[in-house]
N, C-alpha and C. Protein backbone atom coordinates (compact mmCIF):
# COMPACT_ATOMS: atom_id res chain seq x y z
N MET A 1 15.76 -1.02 -4.12
CA MET A 1 14.76 -0.92 -5.50
C MET A 1 13.38 -1.66 -5.55
N ILE A 2 13.59 -2.50 -4.38
CA ILE A 2 12.16 -3.33 -4.41
C ILE A 2 11.49 -2.14 -3.36
N GLY A 3 11.65 -1.37 -2.62
CA GLY A 3 10.95 -0.48 -1.64
C GLY A 3 10.53 0.30 -2.81
N LEU A 4 11.00 0.99 -3.88
CA LEU A 4 10.72 1.83 -4.77
C LEU A 4 9.41 1.17 -5.77
N ALA A 5 9.92 0.11 -5.98
CA ALA A 5 8.72 -0.66 -6.96
C ALA A 5 7.71 -0.87 -6.18
N TYR A 6 7.47 -0.83 -4.79
CA TYR A 6 6.39 -1.20 -4.22
C TYR A 6 5.73 0.13 -3.98
N PHE A 7 6.06 1.31 -3.56
CA PHE A 7 5.87 2.63 -3.69
C PHE A 7 5.25 2.97 -5.09
N LEU A 8 5.64 2.72 -6.35
CA LEU A 8 5.37 3.12 -7.04
C LEU A 8 3.96 2.26 -7.75
N ILE A 9 3.87 0.86 -7.18
CA ILE A 9 2.57 0.22 -7.07
C ILE A 9 1.49 0.64 -6.64
N ILE A 10 2.07 1.14 -5.54
CA ILE A 10 0.98 1.66 -4.40
C ILE A 10 0.36 3.16 -4.78
N TRP A 11 1.26 3.95 -5.46
CA TRP A 11 0.70 5.32 -6.39
C TRP A 11 0.16 5.02 -7.08
N ILE A 12 0.48 3.90 -8.09
CA ILE A 12 -0.34 3.77 -9.09
C ILE A 12 -1.63 3.24 -8.62
N VAL A 13 -1.62 2.67 -7.67
CA VAL A 13 -3.06 1.99 -7.77
C VAL A 13 -4.15 2.87 -6.64
N GLY A 14 -3.16 3.72 -6.20
CA GLY A 14 -3.96 5.19 -5.14
C GLY A 14 -4.81 5.79 -6.31
N GLY A 15 -3.56 6.27 -6.90
CA GLY A 15 -4.30 7.40 -8.30
C GLY A 15 -5.42 6.55 -9.03
N PHE A 16 -5.21 5.39 -9.22
CA PHE A 16 -6.33 4.51 -10.10
C PHE A 16 -7.79 4.21 -9.30
N LEU A 17 -7.54 4.06 -7.99
CA LEU A 17 -9.02 4.20 -6.81
C LEU A 17 -9.10 5.82 -6.92
N THR A 18 -8.25 6.68 -6.56
CA THR A 18 -8.89 8.21 -6.82
C THR A 18 -9.31 8.27 -8.05
N GLY A 19 -9.07 7.90 -9.27
CA GLY A 19 -9.65 8.89 -10.15
C GLY A 19 -11.37 7.82 -10.42
N ILE A 20 -11.43 6.60 -10.30
CA ILE A 20 -12.39 6.26 -10.15
C ILE A 20 -13.62 6.77 -9.31
N LYS A 21 -13.14 7.14 -7.94
CA LYS A 21 -13.78 7.91 -7.05
C LYS A 21 -14.27 9.08 -7.86
N TYR A 22 -13.45 9.79 -8.15
CA TYR A 22 -13.66 11.22 -8.62
C TYR A 22 -14.46 11.21 -9.73
N LEU A 23 -14.34 10.00 -10.82
CA LEU A 23 -15.41 10.16 -12.12
C LEU A 23 -16.94 9.38 -11.91
N PHE A 24 -16.87 8.09 -10.96
CA PHE A 24 -18.22 7.37 -11.05
C PHE A 24 -18.84 7.86 -10.00
N VAL A 25 -18.26 8.32 -8.46
CA VAL A 25 -18.47 8.29 -7.24
C VAL A 25 -18.90 9.58 -7.13
N ASP A 26 -17.89 10.67 -7.09
CA ASP A 26 -18.68 11.99 -6.84
C ASP A 26 -18.87 12.93 -8.30
N GLN A 27 -18.93 12.04 -9.25
CA GLN A 27 -18.85 12.29 -10.77
C GLN A 27 -18.70 14.25 -10.47
N MET A 28 -17.34 14.22 -10.20
CA MET A 28 -16.73 15.36 -10.54
C MET A 28 -16.73 16.16 -11.71
N TYR A 29 -16.85 15.49 -12.93
CA TYR A 29 -15.98 15.55 -14.00
C TYR A 29 -17.50 15.52 -15.15
N ASP A 30 -18.55 16.20 -14.69
CA ASP A 30 -19.95 15.93 -15.40
C ASP A 30 -19.68 16.93 -16.57
N ASP A 31 -20.80 16.87 -17.64
CA ASP A 31 -21.11 17.96 -18.66
C ASP A 31 -21.27 19.42 -18.08
N GLU A 32 -22.02 19.60 -17.07
CA GLU A 32 -21.89 20.91 -16.71
C GLU A 32 -20.31 21.60 -16.00
N PHE A 33 -19.78 20.87 -15.42
CA PHE A 33 -18.56 21.28 -15.08
C PHE A 33 -17.23 21.67 -16.27
N LYS A 34 -17.73 20.73 -17.10
CA LYS A 34 -17.02 20.46 -18.61
C LYS A 34 -17.29 22.19 -19.07
N GLN A 35 -18.57 22.21 -19.68
CA GLN A 35 -18.84 23.19 -20.02
C GLN A 35 -17.97 24.67 -19.07
N LEU A 36 -18.41 24.95 -18.04
CA LEU A 36 -17.71 25.85 -17.16
C LEU A 36 -16.12 25.81 -17.47
N MET A 37 -15.87 24.95 -17.20
CA MET A 37 -13.96 24.99 -17.77
C MET A 37 -13.90 25.70 -18.69
N ILE A 38 -14.40 25.22 -19.73
CA ILE A 38 -14.42 25.81 -21.03
C ILE A 38 -14.71 26.99 -21.42
N GLN A 39 -15.88 27.55 -20.72
CA GLN A 39 -15.77 29.22 -20.54
C GLN A 39 -14.98 29.76 -19.77
N GLU A 40 -14.57 29.17 -18.59
CA GLU A 40 -13.78 30.21 -17.84
C GLU A 40 -12.28 30.30 -18.82
N THR A 41 -11.96 29.16 -19.71
CA THR A 41 -10.70 29.61 -20.10
C THR A 41 -10.73 30.58 -21.06
N SER A 42 -9.40 31.32 -21.36
CA SER A 42 -9.40 32.19 -22.38
C SER A 42 -9.50 31.34 -23.97
N PRO A 43 -9.53 31.98 -24.73
CA PRO A 43 -9.61 31.21 -26.15
C PRO A 43 -8.21 31.49 -26.57
N GLY A 44 -8.16 30.21 -27.35
CA GLY A 44 -6.77 30.11 -27.95
C GLY A 44 -6.59 28.74 -27.00
N MET A 45 -4.89 28.55 -26.56
CA MET A 45 -4.42 27.19 -26.46
C MET A 45 -5.04 26.94 -25.23
N GLU A 46 -5.17 27.44 -24.15
CA GLU A 46 -5.53 26.93 -23.04
C GLU A 46 -7.13 26.26 -23.21
N ARG A 47 -8.12 27.03 -24.01
CA ARG A 47 -9.13 26.48 -24.16
C ARG A 47 -9.01 25.15 -25.45
N ASN A 48 -7.92 24.94 -25.89
CA ASN A 48 -7.94 23.75 -26.85
C ASN A 48 -7.44 22.85 -25.67
N MET A 49 -6.55 22.85 -24.56
CA MET A 49 -6.09 22.12 -23.86
C MET A 49 -7.45 21.53 -23.04
N VAL A 50 -8.14 22.32 -22.37
CA VAL A 50 -9.36 22.00 -21.79
C VAL A 50 -10.28 21.19 -22.36
N GLU A 51 -10.55 21.46 -23.46
CA GLU A 51 -11.13 20.43 -24.36
C GLU A 51 -10.51 19.42 -24.84
N LEU A 52 -9.07 19.13 -24.91
CA LEU A 52 -8.54 17.96 -25.24
C LEU A 52 -8.56 16.80 -23.86
N PHE A 53 -8.44 17.43 -22.53
CA PHE A 53 -8.59 16.95 -21.31
C PHE A 53 -9.98 16.29 -21.16
N PHE A 54 -10.83 17.11 -21.37
CA PHE A 54 -12.30 16.57 -20.78
C PHE A 54 -12.91 15.75 -22.44
N ARG A 55 -11.93 15.43 -22.98
CA ARG A 55 -12.67 14.78 -24.31
C ARG A 55 -13.04 13.34 -23.76
N ASN A 56 -12.50 12.94 -23.17
CA ASN A 56 -13.10 11.19 -22.67
C ASN A 56 -12.58 11.24 -21.45
N LYS A 57 -12.90 9.96 -20.76
CA LYS A 57 -13.12 9.60 -19.40
C LYS A 57 -11.11 9.11 -19.02
N ALA A 58 -10.82 8.35 -20.39
CA ALA A 58 -9.39 7.83 -20.17
C ALA A 58 -8.39 9.12 -20.16
N ASN A 59 -8.70 10.28 -20.51
CA ASN A 59 -7.83 11.46 -20.24
C ASN A 59 -7.62 11.55 -18.50
N ILE A 60 -8.66 11.79 -18.31
CA ILE A 60 -8.82 12.12 -16.47
C ILE A 60 -8.62 10.65 -15.92
N MET A 61 -8.53 9.92 -16.17
CA MET A 61 -7.84 8.55 -15.40
C MET A 61 -6.58 8.25 -15.32
N THR A 62 -5.74 9.08 -16.73
CA THR A 62 -4.41 8.93 -16.74
C THR A 62 -4.27 9.82 -16.03
N PHE A 63 -4.81 11.30 -15.75
CA PHE A 63 -4.29 12.24 -15.10
C PHE A 63 -4.01 11.51 -13.76
N HIS A 64 -5.35 11.27 -13.09
CA HIS A 64 -5.47 10.78 -11.68
C HIS A 64 -4.26 9.79 -11.36
N ILE A 65 -4.06 8.79 -12.39
CA ILE A 65 -3.21 7.79 -12.10
C ILE A 65 -1.77 8.25 -11.72
N LEU A 66 -1.63 9.25 -12.89
CA LEU A 66 -0.15 9.90 -12.59
C LEU A 66 -0.06 10.75 -11.58
N ILE A 67 -0.84 11.25 -11.02
CA ILE A 67 -0.61 12.33 -9.59
C ILE A 67 -0.99 11.52 -8.27
N GLY A 68 -1.41 10.24 -8.46
CA GLY A 68 -1.56 9.60 -7.40
C GLY A 68 -2.35 9.95 -6.16
N PHE A 69 -1.99 10.09 -4.86
CA PHE A 69 -2.72 10.35 -3.96
C PHE A 69 -3.02 11.81 -3.57
N LEU A 70 -2.30 12.48 -4.73
CA LEU A 70 -2.32 14.21 -4.38
C LEU A 70 -4.13 14.53 -4.08
N PRO A 71 -5.21 14.32 -5.34
CA PRO A 71 -6.04 15.07 -5.12
C PRO A 71 -6.71 14.74 -3.33
N LEU A 72 -6.35 12.84 -3.11
CA LEU A 72 -7.24 12.70 -1.67
C LEU A 72 -6.05 13.30 -0.88
N ILE A 73 -5.39 13.98 -1.09
CA ILE A 73 -4.52 14.56 0.36
C ILE A 73 -4.63 15.83 0.55
N ILE A 74 -4.71 16.56 -0.88
CA ILE A 74 -5.19 17.54 -0.90
C ILE A 74 -6.94 17.82 -0.06
N LYS A 75 -7.47 17.13 -0.63
CA LYS A 75 -9.21 16.98 0.04
C LYS A 75 -8.95 16.50 1.34
N ILE A 76 -8.61 15.86 1.92
CA ILE A 76 -8.22 15.59 3.53
C ILE A 76 -7.64 16.71 4.07
N VAL A 77 -6.85 17.59 3.55
CA VAL A 77 -6.16 18.86 4.28
C VAL A 77 -7.11 19.85 4.33
N VAL A 78 -8.34 19.98 3.24
CA VAL A 78 -9.45 21.27 2.98
C VAL A 78 -10.45 20.82 4.12
N LEU A 79 -10.77 19.27 4.35
CA LEU A 79 -11.58 19.30 5.26
C LEU A 79 -10.90 19.15 6.56
N LEU A 80 -9.72 19.34 6.84
CA LEU A 80 -9.03 19.09 8.21
C LEU A 80 -9.08 20.97 8.81
N LYS A 81 -8.96 21.98 7.53
CA LYS A 81 -8.77 23.03 7.76
C LYS A 81 -10.07 23.24 8.37
N ARG A 82 -11.28 23.40 7.21
CA ARG A 82 -12.57 23.76 7.48
C ARG A 82 -12.94 23.36 8.98
N GLY A 83 -13.16 21.87 9.42
CA GLY A 83 -13.38 21.43 10.46
C GLY A 83 -12.77 21.93 11.72
């Protein structure tokens, strides 16, 4: 049980740090990206979900905290495939 607790704490901290990196260092979710995502989605429920997700930075941080290291792992895999 202690191992699971440590894993979850590391997962949440990793997600938090990854979210901070994506929001403030890389600035991936800027206004241009938000408008592009809203334009690319079809009208209706999908557009409402995109607008809800990008409404504030807390939603984006919550998403990154929950998915943990996944964005970082995906970025590393893409870099390794490219190189």
